[in-house]
Amino acid sequence: AAKAGMELAPVLTTNSLELLHQMVREGCGHGVIAVCPGTFEGAGERL
């Protein structure tokens, strides 16, 4: 965000990555995920 000159104003901050996935699935916004290309098999249902 800093390099792109954009403001990061999150609507939800949490230490639960599973909760973030669930809230994106519910259509509450966008999130991020870190994946290893050799082991990643998809983000999950409706994601």
All heavy atoms as atom14 arrays in JSON, in Angstrom:
{
  "sequence": "AAKAGMELAPVLTTNSLELLHQMVREGCGHGVIAVCPGTFEGAGERL",
  "atom14_mask": [
    [1, 1, 1, 1, 1, 0, 0, 0, 0, 0, 0, 0, 0, 0],
    [1, 1, 1, 1, 1, 0, 0, 0, 0, 0, 0, 0, 0, 0],
    [1, 1, 1, 1, 1, 1, 1, 1, 1, 0, 0, 0, 0, 0],
    [1, 1, 1, 1, 1, 0, 0, 0, 0, 0, 0, 0, 0, 0],
    [1, 1, 1, 1, 0, 0, 0, 0, 0, 0, 0, 0, 0, 0],
    [1, 1, 1, 1, 1, 1, 1, 1, 0, 0, 0, 0, 0, 0],
    [1, 1, 1, 1, 1, 1, 1, 1, 1, 0, 0, 0, 0, 0],
    [1, 1, 1, 1, 1, 1, 1, 1, 0, 0, 0, 0, 0, 0],
    [1, 1, 1, 1, 1, 0, 0, 0, 0, 0, 0, 0, 0, 0],
    [1, 1, 1, 1, 1, 1, 1, 0, 0, 0, 0, 0, 0, 0],
    [1, 1, 1, 1, 1, 1, 1, 0, 0, 0, 0, 0, 0, 0],
    [1, 1, 1, 1, 1, 1, 1, 1, 0, 0, 0, 0, 0, 0],
    [1, 1, 1, 1, 1, 1, 1, 0, 0, 0, 0, 0, 0, 0],
    [1, 1, 1, 1, 1, 1, 1, 0, 0, 0, 0, 0, 0, 0],
    [1, 1, 1, 1, 1, 1, 1, 1, 0, 0, 0, 0, 0, 0],
    [1, 1, 1, 1, 1, 1, 0, 0, 0, 0, 0, 0, 0, 0],
    [1, 1, 1, 1, 1, 1, 1, 1, 0, 0, 0, 0, 0, 0],
    [1, 1, 1, 1, 1, 1, 1, 1, 1, 0, 0, 0, 0, 0],
    [1, 1, 1, 1, 1, 1, 1, 1, 0, 0, 0, 0, 0, 0],
    [1, 1, 1, 1, 1, 1, 1, 1, 0, 0, 0, 0, 0, 0],
    [1, 1, 1, 1, 1, 1, 1, 1, 1, 1, 0, 0, 0, 0],
    [1, 1, 1, 1, 1, 1, 1, 1, 1, 0, 0, 0, 0, 0],
    [1, 1, 1, 1, 1, 1, 1, 1, 0, 0, 0, 0, 0, 0],
    [1, 1, 1, 1, 1, 1, 1, 0, 0, 0, 0, 0, 0, 0],
    [1, 1, 1, 1, 1, 1, 1, 1, 1, 1, 1, 0, 0, 0],
    [1, 1, 1, 1, 1, 1, 1, 1, 1, 0, 0, 0, 0, 0],
    [1, 1, 1, 1, 0, 0, 0, 0, 0, 0, 0, 0, 0, 0],
    [1, 1, 1, 1, 1, 1, 0, 0, 0, 0, 0, 0, 0, 0],
    [1, 1, 1, 1, 0, 0, 0, 0, 0, 0, 0, 0, 0, 0],
    [1, 1, 1, 1, 1, 1, 1, 1, 1, 1, 0, 0, 0, 0],
    [1, 1, 1, 1, 0, 0, 0, 0, 0, 0, 0, 0, 0, 0],
    [1, 1, 1, 1, 1, 1, 1, 0, 0, 0, 0, 0, 0, 0],
    [1, 1, 1, 1, 1, 1, 1, 1, 0, 0, 0, 0, 0, 0],
    [1, 1, 1, 1, 1, 0, 0, 0, 0, 0, 0, 0, 0, 0],
    [1, 1, 1, 1, 1, 1, 1, 0, 0, 0, 0, 0, 0, 0],
    [1, 1, 1, 1, 1, 1, 0, 0, 0, 0, 0, 0, 0, 0],
    [1, 1, 1, 1, 1, 1, 1, 0, 0, 0, 0, 0, 0, 0],
    [1, 1, 1, 1, 0, 0, 0, 0, 0, 0, 0, 0, 0, 0],
    [1, 1, 1, 1, 1, 1, 1, 0, 0, 0, 0, 0, 0, 0],
    [1, 1, 1, 1, 1, 1, 1, 1, 1, 1, 1, 0, 0, 0],
    [1, 1, 1, 1, 1, 1, 1, 1, 1, 0, 0, 0, 0, 0],
    [1, 1, 1, 1, 0, 0, 0, 0, 0, 0, 0, 0, 0, 0],
    [1, 1, 1, 1, 1, 0, 0, 0, 0, 0, 0, 0, 0, 0],
    [1, 1, 1, 1, 0, 0, 0, 0, 0, 0, 0, 0, 0, 0],
    [1, 1, 1, 1, 1, 1, 1, 1, 1, 0, 0, 0, 0, 0],
    [1, 1, 1, 1, 1, 1, 1, 1, 1, 1, 1, 0, 0, 0],
    [1, 1, 1, 1, 1, 1, 1, 1, 0, 0, 0, 0, 0, 0]
  ],
  "atom14_positions": [
    [[0.83, -1.2, 0.0], [0.0, 0.0, 0.0], [0.87, 1.26, 0.0], [0.59, 2.22, -0.73], [-0.93, -0.01, 1.21], [0.0, 0.0, 0.0], [0.0, 0.0, 0.0], [0.0, 0.0, 0.0], [0.0, 0.0, 0.0], [0.0, 0.0, 0.0], [0.0, 0.0, 0.0], [0.0, 0.0, 0.0], [0.0, 0.0, 0.0], [0.0, 0.0, 0.0]],
    [[1.94, 1.26, 0.8], [2.82, 2.43, 0.88], [3.5, 2.67, -0.46], [3.59, 3.82, -0.92], [3.85, 2.23, 1.99], [0.0, 0.0, 0.0], [0.0, 0.0, 0.0], [0.0, 0.0, 0.0], [0.0, 0.0, 0.0], [0.0, 0.0, 0.0], [0.0, 0.0, 0.0], [0.0, 0.0, 0.0], [0.0, 0.0, 0.0], [0.0, 0.0, 0.0]],
    [[3.98, 1.62, -1.11], [4.66, 1.78, -2.39], [3.71, 2.26, -3.48], [4.11, 2.98, -4.4], [5.3, 0.46, -2.82], [6.55, 0.1, -2.02], [7.21, -1.16, -2.57], [8.52, -1.45, -1.86], [9.18, -2.68, -2.39], [0.0, 0.0, 0.0], [0.0, 0.0, 0.0], [0.0, 0.0, 0.0], [0.0, 0.0, 0.0], [0.0, 0.0, 0.0]],
    [[2.46, 1.86, -3.39], [1.47, 2.26, -4.39], [0.82, 3.6, -4.06], [-0.02, 4.1, -4.84], [0.4, 1.18, -4.53], [0.0, 0.0, 0.0], [0.0, 0.0, 0.0], [0.0, 0.0, 0.0], [0.0, 0.0, 0.0], [0.0, 0.0, 0.0], [0.0, 0.0, 0.0], [0.0, 0.0, 0.0], [0.0, 0.0, 0.0], [0.0, 0.0, 0.0]],
    [[1.18, 4.18, -2.92], [0.6, 5.45, -2.52], [-0.86, 5.35, -2.15], [-1.63, 6.31, -2.31], [0.0, 0.0, 0.0], [0.0, 0.0, 0.0], [0.0, 0.0, 0.0], [0.0, 0.0, 0.0], [0.0, 0.0, 0.0], [0.0, 0.0, 0.0], [0.0, 0.0, 0.0], [0.0, 0.0, 0.0], [0.0, 0.0, 0.0], [0.0, 0.0, 0.0]],
    [[-1.28, 4.2, -1.66], [-2.67, 3.98, -1.28], [-2.79, 3.82, 0.23], [-1.84, 3.41, 0.91], [-3.23, 2.73, -1.98], [-3.25, 2.84, -3.49], [-3.89, 1.35, -4.27], [-3.81, 1.82, -6.0], [0.0, 0.0, 0.0], [0.0, 0.0, 0.0], [0.0, 0.0, 0.0], [0.0, 0.0, 0.0], [0.0, 0.0, 0.0], [0.0, 0.0, 0.0]],
    [[-3.95, 4.11, 0.73], [-4.18, 4.02, 2.17], [-4.78, 2.66, 2.5], [-5.73, 2.21, 1.86], [-5.13, 5.12, 2.64], [-5.37, 5.09, 4.14], [-6.36, 6.16, 4.58], [-6.86, 6.92, 3.72], [-6.64, 6.23, 5.79], [0.0, 0.0, 0.0], [0.0, 0.0, 0.0], [0.0, 0.0, 0.0], [0.0, 0.0, 0.0], [0.0, 0.0, 0.0]],
    [[-4.19, 2.0, 3.5], [-4.73, 0.74, 3.97], [-5.64, 1.02, 5.15], [-5.19, 1.4, 6.23], [-3.6, -0.21, 4.38], [-4.02, -1.58, 4.89], [-4.76, -2.37, 3.81], [-2.79, -2.38, 5.36], [0.0, 0.0, 0.0], [0.0, 0.0, 0.0], [0.0, 0.0, 0.0], [0.0, 0.0, 0.0], [0.0, 0.0, 0.0], [0.0, 0.0, 0.0]],
    [[-6.96, 0.87, 4.92], [-7.94, 1.15, 5.97], [-8.82, -0.09, 6.16], [-9.91, -0.19, 5.61], [-8.79, 2.36, 5.6], [0.0, 0.0, 0.0], [0.0, 0.0, 0.0], [0.0, 0.0, 0.0], [0.0, 0.0, 0.0], [0.0, 0.0, 0.0], [0.0, 0.0, 0.0], [0.0, 0.0, 0.0], [0.0, 0.0, 0.0], [0.0, 0.0, 0.0]],
    [[-8.32, -1.07, 6.9], [-9.06, -2.33, 7.03], [-10.36, -2.17, 7.8], [-10.46, -1.38, 8.74], [-8.07, -3.23, 7.78], [-7.18, -2.29, 8.52], [-7.05, -1.08, 7.64], [0.0, 0.0, 0.0], [0.0, 0.0, 0.0], [0.0, 0.0, 0.0], [0.0, 0.0, 0.0], [0.0, 0.0, 0.0], [0.0, 0.0, 0.0], [0.0, 0.0, 0.0]],
    [[-11.34, -2.96, 7.39], [-12.61, -2.99, 8.13], [-12.6, -4.08, 9.2], [-13.43, -4.08, 10.1], [-13.81, -3.21, 7.18], [-13.92, -2.06, 6.2], [-13.69, -4.54, 6.43], [0.0, 0.0, 0.0], [0.0, 0.0, 0.0], [0.0, 0.0, 0.0], [0.0, 0.0, 0.0], [0.0, 0.0, 0.0], [0.0, 0.0, 0.0], [0.0, 0.0, 0.0]],
    [[-11.66, -5.02, 9.06], [-11.53, -6.09, 10.06], [-10.06, -6.45, 10.2], [-9.37, -6.69, 9.21], [-12.33, -7.32, 9.63], [-12.15, -8.57, 10.52], [-12.75, -8.32, 11.91], [-12.79, -9.8, 9.89], [0.0, 0.0, 0.0], [0.0, 0.0, 0.0], [0.0, 0.0, 0.0], [0.0, 0.0, 0.0], [0.0, 0.0, 0.0], [0.0, 0.0, 0.0]],
    [[-9.6, -6.5, 11.45], [-8.25, -6.96, 11.77], [-8.37, -8.09, 12.78], [-9.07, -7.94, 13.79], [-7.39, -5.82, 12.36], [-7.33, -4.75, 11.42], [-5.99, -6.31, 12.66], [0.0, 0.0, 0.0], [0.0, 0.0, 0.0], [0.0, 0.0, 0.0], [0.0, 0.0, 0.0], [0.0, 0.0, 0.0], [0.0, 0.0, 0.0], [0.0, 0.0, 0.0]],
    [[-7.7, -9.2, 12.53], [-7.82, -10.34, 13.43], [-6.56, -11.19, 13.36], [-5.82, -11.14, 12.37], [-9.04, -11.2, 13.07], [-9.09, -12.35, 13.93], [-8.97, -11.67, 11.63], [0.0, 0.0, 0.0], [0.0, 0.0, 0.0], [0.0, 0.0, 0.0], [0.0, 0.0, 0.0], [0.0, 0.0, 0.0], [0.0, 0.0, 0.0], [0.0, 0.0, 0.0]],
    [[-6.33, -11.97, 14.4], [-5.2, -12.91, 14.37], [-5.63, -14.3, 13.89], [-4.83, -15.23, 13.88], [-4.55, -13.03, 15.75], [-5.47, -13.68, 16.77], [-6.67, -13.85, 16.53], [-4.93, -14.03, 17.92], [0.0, 0.0, 0.0], [0.0, 0.0, 0.0], [0.0, 0.0, 0.0], [0.0, 0.0, 0.0], [0.0, 0.0, 0.0], [0.0, 0.0, 0.0]],
    [[-6.89, -14.42, 13.46], [-7.41, -15.69, 12.97], [-7.48, -15.68, 11.44], [-8.34, -14.99, 10.86], [-8.79, -15.98, 13.55], [-9.37, -17.09, 12.91], [0.0, 0.0, 0.0], [0.0, 0.0, 0.0], [0.0, 0.0, 0.0], [0.0, 0.0, 0.0], [0.0, 0.0, 0.0], [0.0, 0.0, 0.0], [0.0, 0.0, 0.0], [0.0, 0.0, 0.0]],
    [[-6.59, -16.42, 10.79], [-6.65, -16.5, 9.33], [-7.9, -17.22, 8.87], [-8.45, -16.91, 7.8], [-5.4, -17.21, 8.81], [-4.06, -16.52, 9.1], [-2.9, -17.32, 8.52], [-4.05, -15.1, 8.54], [0.0, 0.0, 0.0], [0.0, 0.0, 0.0], [0.0, 0.0, 0.0], [0.0, 0.0, 0.0], [0.0, 0.0, 0.0], [0.0, 0.0, 0.0]],
    [[-8.35, -18.18, 9.65], [-9.57, -18.9, 9.29], [-10.78, -17.95, 9.3], [-11.64, -18.02, 8.41], [-9.82, -20.06, 10.26], [-11.08, -20.86, 9.99], [-11.13, -21.44, 8.59], [-10.07, -21.76, 8.02], [-12.25, -21.58, 8.06], [0.0, 0.0, 0.0], [0.0, 0.0, 0.0], [0.0, 0.0, 0.0], [0.0, 0.0, 0.0], [0.0, 0.0, 0.0]],
    [[-10.83, -17.03, 10.26], [-11.92, -16.06, 10.29], [-11.87, -15.16, 9.07], [-12.9, -14.85, 8.46], [-11.86, -15.22, 11.57], [-12.89, -14.1, 11.68], [-14.31, -14.67, 11.65], [-12.67, -13.26, 12.93], [0.0, 0.0, 0.0], [0.0, 0.0, 0.0], [0.0, 0.0, 0.0], [0.0, 0.0, 0.0], [0.0, 0.0, 0.0], [0.0, 0.0, 0.0]],
    [[-10.67, -14.73, 8.67], [-10.54, -13.9, 7.46], [-11.1, -14.63, 6.25], [-11.83, -14.04, 5.44], [-9.08, -13.53, 7.22], [-8.43, -12.54, 8.18], [-6.98, -12.3, 7.79], [-9.19, -11.22, 8.18], [0.0, 0.0, 0.0], [0.0, 0.0, 0.0], [0.0, 0.0, 0.0], [0.0, 0.0, 0.0], [0.0, 0.0, 0.0], [0.0, 0.0, 0.0]],
    [[-10.76, -15.9, 6.11], [-11.27, -16.67, 4.98], [-12.79, -16.73, 5.01], [-13.46, -16.57, 3.98], [-10.69, -18.09, 5.01], [-9.21, -18.12, 4.74], [-8.53, -19.3, 4.5], [-8.28, -17.15, 4.67], [-7.26, -19.03, 4.28], [-7.09, -17.73, 4.4], [0.0, 0.0, 0.0], [0.0, 0.0, 0.0], [0.0, 0.0, 0.0], [0.0, 0.0, 0.0]],
    [[-13.33, -16.96, 6.19], [-14.79, -17.07, 6.32], [-15.48, -15.74, 5.96], [-16.52, -15.73, 5.3], [-15.16, -17.48, 7.75], [-14.72, -18.88, 8.14], [-15.6, -19.95, 7.51], [-16.55, -19.68, 6.82], [-15.23, -21.21, 7.75], [0.0, 0.0, 0.0], [0.0, 0.0, 0.0], [0.0, 0.0, 0.0], [0.0, 0.0, 0.0], [0.0, 0.0, 0.0]],
    [[-14.89, -14.63, 6.38], [-15.51, -13.33, 6.12], [-15.42, -12.96, 4.64], [-16.33, -12.32, 4.09], [-14.86, -12.25, 6.99], [-15.0, -12.49, 8.48], [-16.71, -12.85, 9.02], [-17.49, -11.26, 8.73], [0.0, 0.0, 0.0], [0.0, 0.0, 0.0], [0.0, 0.0, 0.0], [0.0, 0.0, 0.0], [0.0, 0.0, 0.0], [0.0, 0.0, 0.0]],
    [[-14.32, -13.34, 3.98], [-14.26, -13.14, 2.52], [-15.32, -14.0, 1.85], [-16.0, -13.54, 0.91], [-12.85, -13.48, 1.98], [-12.84, -13.42, 0.44], [-11.81, -12.52, 2.54], [0.0, 0.0, 0.0], [0.0, 0.0, 0.0], [0.0, 0.0, 0.0], [0.0, 0.0, 0.0], [0.0, 0.0, 0.0], [0.0, 0.0, 0.0], [0.0, 0.0, 0.0]],
    [[-15.48, -15.21, 2.31], [-16.49, -16.12, 1.74], [-17.9, -15.53, 1.91], [-18.77, -15.73, 1.06], [-16.39, -17.48, 2.43], [-17.31, -18.55, 1.83], [-17.1, -19.89, 2.5], [-15.84, -20.5, 2.1], [-14.82, -20.73, 2.91], [-14.91, -20.4, 4.19], [-13.71, -21.28, 2.47], [0.0, 0.0, 0.0], [0.0, 0.0, 0.0], [0.0, 0.0, 0.0]],
    [[-18.1, -14.79, 3.0], [-19.4, -14.16, 3.24], [-19.59, -12.88, 2.44], [-20.61, -12.21, 2.56], [-19.57, -13.87, 4.73], [-19.65, -15.1, 5.62], [-20.87, -15.95, 5.3], [-21.93, -15.37, 4.97], [-20.77, -17.19, 5.38], [0.0, 0.0, 0.0], [0.0, 0.0, 0.0], [0.0, 0.0, 0.0], [0.0, 0.0, 0.0], [0.0, 0.0, 0.0]],
    [[-18.58, -12.48, 1.65], [-18.7, -11.3, 0.8], [-18.43, -10.0, 1.52], [-18.86, -8.93, 1.07], [0.0, 0.0, 0.0], [0.0, 0.0, 0.0], [0.0, 0.0, 0.0], [0.0, 0.0, 0.0], [0.0, 0.0, 0.0], [0.0, 0.0, 0.0], [0.0, 0.0, 0.0], [0.0, 0.0, 0.0], [0.0, 0.0, 0.0], [0.0, 0.0, 0.0]],
    [[-17.67, -10.05, 2.63], [-17.43, -8.84, 3.41], [-16.24, -8.02, 2.93], [-15.98, -6.95, 3.46], [-17.23, -9.21, 4.88], [-18.7, -9.94, 5.65], [0.0, 0.0, 0.0], [0.0, 0.0, 0.0], [0.0, 0.0, 0.0], [0.0, 0.0, 0.0], [0.0, 0.0, 0.0], [0.0, 0.0, 0.0], [0.0, 0.0, 0.0], [0.0, 0.0, 0.0]],
    [[-15.48, -8.53, 1.96], [-14.35, -7.77, 1.46], [-13.28, -8.68, 0.9], [-13.51, -9.88, 0.67], [0.0, 0.0, 0.0], [0.0, 0.0, 0.0], [0.0, 0.0, 0.0], [0.0, 0.0, 0.0], [0.0, 0.0, 0.0], [0.0, 0.0, 0.0], [0.0, 0.0, 0.0], [0.0, 0.0, 0.0], [0.0, 0.0, 0.0], [0.0, 0.0, 0.0]],
    [[-12.09, -8.1, 0.65], [-10.95, -8.84, 0.12], [-9.93, -9.09, 1.23], [-9.8, -8.29, 2.16], [-10.27, -8.05, -0.99], [-11.08, -7.96, -2.24], [-10.78, -7.1, -3.28], [-12.19, -8.63, -2.63], [-11.65, -7.25, -4.24], [-12.53, -8.16, -3.87], [0.0, 0.0, 0.0], [0.0, 0.0, 0.0], [0.0, 0.0, 0.0], [0.0, 0.0, 0.0]],
    [[-9.21, -10.18, 1.1], [-8.13, -10.49, 2.02], [-6.9, -10.92, 1.24], [-6.82, -10.78, 0.02], [0.0, 0.0, 0.0], [0.0, 0.0, 0.0], [0.0, 0.0, 0.0], [0.0, 0.0, 0.0], [0.0, 0.0, 0.0], [0.0, 0.0, 0.0], [0.0, 0.0, 0.0], [0.0, 0.0, 0.0], [0.0, 0.0, 0.0], [0.0, 0.0, 0.0]],
    [[-5.92, -11.45, 1.96], [-4.71, -11.98, 1.31], [-4.4, -13.36, 1.88], [-4.81, -13.69, 2.99], [-3.49, -11.05, 1.5], [-3.63, -9.8, 0.66], [-3.26, -10.72, 2.97], [0.0, 0.0, 0.0], [0.0, 0.0, 0.0], [0.0, 0.0, 0.0], [0.0, 0.0, 0.0], [0.0, 0.0, 0.0], [0.0, 0.0, 0.0], [0.0, 0.0, 0.0]],
    [[-3.65, -14.11, 1.1], [-3.27, -15.45, 1.52], [-1.85, -15.72, 1.02], [-1.48, -15.28, -0.07], [-4.26, -16.51, 0.98], [-3.92, -17.89, 1.52], [-4.28, -16.51, -0.54], [-4.97, -18.95, 1.15], [0.0, 0.0, 0.0], [0.0, 0.0, 0.0], [0.0, 0.0, 0.0], [0.0, 0.0, 0.0], [0.0, 0.0, 0.0], [0.0, 0.0, 0.0]],
    [[-1.04, -16.39, 1.84], [0.32, -16.77, 1.43], [0.29, -18.25, 1.06], [-0.17, -19.08, 1.85], [1.31, -16.52, 2.56], [0.0, 0.0, 0.0], [0.0, 0.0, 0.0], [0.0, 0.0, 0.0], [0.0, 0.0, 0.0], [0.0, 0.0, 0.0], [0.0, 0.0, 0.0], [0.0, 0.0, 0.0], [0.0, 0.0, 0.0], [0.0, 0.0, 0.0]],
    [[0.77, -18.58, -0.14], [0.72, -19.96, -0.6], [2.07, -20.39, -1.14], [2.83, -19.59, -1.69], [-0.36, -20.15, -1.69], [-1.72, -19.69, -1.19], [0.01, -19.43, -2.97], [0.0, 0.0, 0.0], [0.0, 0.0, 0.0], [0.0, 0.0, 0.0], [0.0, 0.0, 0.0], [0.0, 0.0, 0.0], [0.0, 0.0, 0.0], [0.0, 0.0, 0.0]],
    [[2.36, -21.65, -0.98], [3.54, -22.26, -1.6], [3.07, -22.91, -2.9], [2.2, -23.8, -2.86], [4.16, -23.3, -0.67], [5.56, -24.16, -1.39], [0.0, 0.0, 0.0], [0.0, 0.0, 0.0], [0.0, 0.0, 0.0], [0.0, 0.0, 0.0], [0.0, 0.0, 0.0], [0.0, 0.0, 0.0], [0.0, 0.0, 0.0], [0.0, 0.0, 0.0]],
    [[3.56, -22.47, -4.05], [3.05, -22.98, -5.33], [3.04, -24.49, -5.43], [2.15, -25.07, -6.06], [4.0, -22.35, -6.35], [4.46, -21.09, -5.7], [4.58, -21.42, -4.24], [0.0, 0.0, 0.0], [0.0, 0.0, 0.0], [0.0, 0.0, 0.0], [0.0, 0.0, 0.0], [0.0, 0.0, 0.0], [0.0, 0.0, 0.0], [0.0, 0.0, 0.0]],
    [[3.98, -25.18, -4.81], [4.04, -26.63, -4.94], [3.07, -27.39, -4.08], [2.92, -28.6, -4.23], [0.0, 0.0, 0.0], [0.0, 0.0, 0.0], [0.0, 0.0, 0.0], [0.0, 0.0, 0.0], [0.0, 0.0, 0.0], [0.0, 0.0, 0.0], [0.0, 0.0, 0.0], [0.0, 0.0, 0.0], [0.0, 0.0, 0.0], [0.0, 0.0, 0.0]],
    [[2.4, -26.72, -3.15], [1.48, -27.42, -2.25], [0.06, -26.85, -2.28], [-0.85, -27.43, -1.69], [1.99, -27.35, -0.8], [2.02, -25.99, -0.36], [3.37, -27.95, -0.68], [0.0, 0.0, 0.0], [0.0, 0.0, 0.0], [0.0, 0.0, 0.0], [0.0, 0.0, 0.0], [0.0, 0.0, 0.0], [0.0, 0.0, 0.0], [0.0, 0.0, 0.0]],
    [[-0.14, -25.72, -2.97], [-1.43, -25.04, -2.92], [-2.43, -25.75, -3.83], [-2.16, -26.02, -5.0], [-1.27, -23.59, -3.36], [-2.54, -22.77, -3.27], [-3.19, -22.62, -2.06], [-3.06, -22.16, -4.4], [-4.35, -21.87, -1.97], [-4.21, -21.41, -4.32], [-4.86, -21.26, -3.11], [0.0, 0.0, 0.0], [0.0, 0.0, 0.0], [0.0, 0.0, 0.0]],
    [[-3.6, -26.07, -3.29], [-4.64, -26.78, -4.05], [-5.94, -25.99, -4.13], [-6.99, -26.55, -4.44], [-4.9, -28.14, -3.42], [-3.71, -29.1, -3.52], [-4.0, -30.46, -2.96], [-5.04, -30.61, -2.27], [-3.22, -31.39, -3.21], [0.0, 0.0, 0.0], [0.0, 0.0, 0.0], [0.0, 0.0, 0.0], [0.0, 0.0, 0.0], [0.0, 0.0, 0.0]],
    [[-5.88, -24.71, -3.88], [-7.08, -23.89, -3.97], [-7.44, -23.26, -2.64], [-7.07, -23.76, -1.57], [0.0, 0.0, 0.0], [0.0, 0.0, 0.0], [0.0, 0.0, 0.0], [0.0, 0.0, 0.0], [0.0, 0.0, 0.0], [0.0, 0.0, 0.0], [0.0, 0.0, 0.0], [0.0, 0.0, 0.0], [0.0, 0.0, 0.0], [0.0, 0.0, 0.0]],
    [[-8.17, -22.16, -2.71], [-8.49, -21.39, -1.51], [-9.65, -21.98, -0.72], [-9.85, -21.64, 0.44], [-8.82, -19.95, -1.9], [0.0, 0.0, 0.0], [0.0, 0.0, 0.0], [0.0, 0.0, 0.0], [0.0, 0.0, 0.0], [0.0, 0.0, 0.0], [0.0, 0.0, 0.0], [0.0, 0.0, 0.0], [0.0, 0.0, 0.0], [0.0, 0.0, 0.0]],
    [[-10.42, -22.85, -1.34], [-11.56, -23.42, -0.64], [-12.87, -23.07, -1.29], [-12.94, -22.33, -2.29], [0.0, 0.0, 0.0], [0.0, 0.0, 0.0], [0.0, 0.0, 0.0], [0.0, 0.0, 0.0], [0.0, 0.0, 0.0], [0.0, 0.0, 0.0], [0.0, 0.0, 0.0], [0.0, 0.0, 0.0], [0.0, 0.0, 0.0], [0.0, 0.0, 0.0]],
    [[-13.94, -23.58, -0.74], [-15.27, -23.39, -1.32], [-15.65, -21.91, -1.39], [-15.5, -21.16, -0.43], [-16.3, -24.13, -0.45], [-17.72, -24.08, -1.01], [-18.71, -24.76, -0.08], [-18.29, -25.24, 0.99], [-19.9, -24.8, -0.44], [0.0, 0.0, 0.0], [0.0, 0.0, 0.0], [0.0, 0.0, 0.0], [0.0, 0.0, 0.0], [0.0, 0.0, 0.0]],
    [[-16.1, -21.5, -2.58], [-16.58, -20.14, -2.88], [-15.5, -19.08, -2.7], [-15.8, -17.91, -2.52], [-17.8, -19.79, -2.01], [-19.01, -20.64, -2.35], [-20.27, -20.19, -1.63], [-20.23, -20.54, -0.22], [-20.36, -19.66, 0.76], [-20.53, -18.38, 0.49], [-20.34, -20.05, 2.02], [0.0, 0.0, 0.0], [0.0, 0.0, 0.0], [0.0, 0.0, 0.0]],
    [[-14.23, -19.48, -2.75], [-13.12, -18.53, -2.65], [-12.16, -18.73, -3.82], [-12.03, -19.82, -4.35], [-12.35, -18.74, -1.34], [-13.03, -18.33, -0.04], [-12.17, -18.74, 1.14], [-13.32, -16.84, -0.01], [0.0, 0.0, 0.0], [0.0, 0.0, 0.0], [0.0, 0.0, 0.0], [0.0, 0.0, 0.0], [0.0, 0.0, 0.0], [0.0, 0.0, 0.0]]
  ]
}
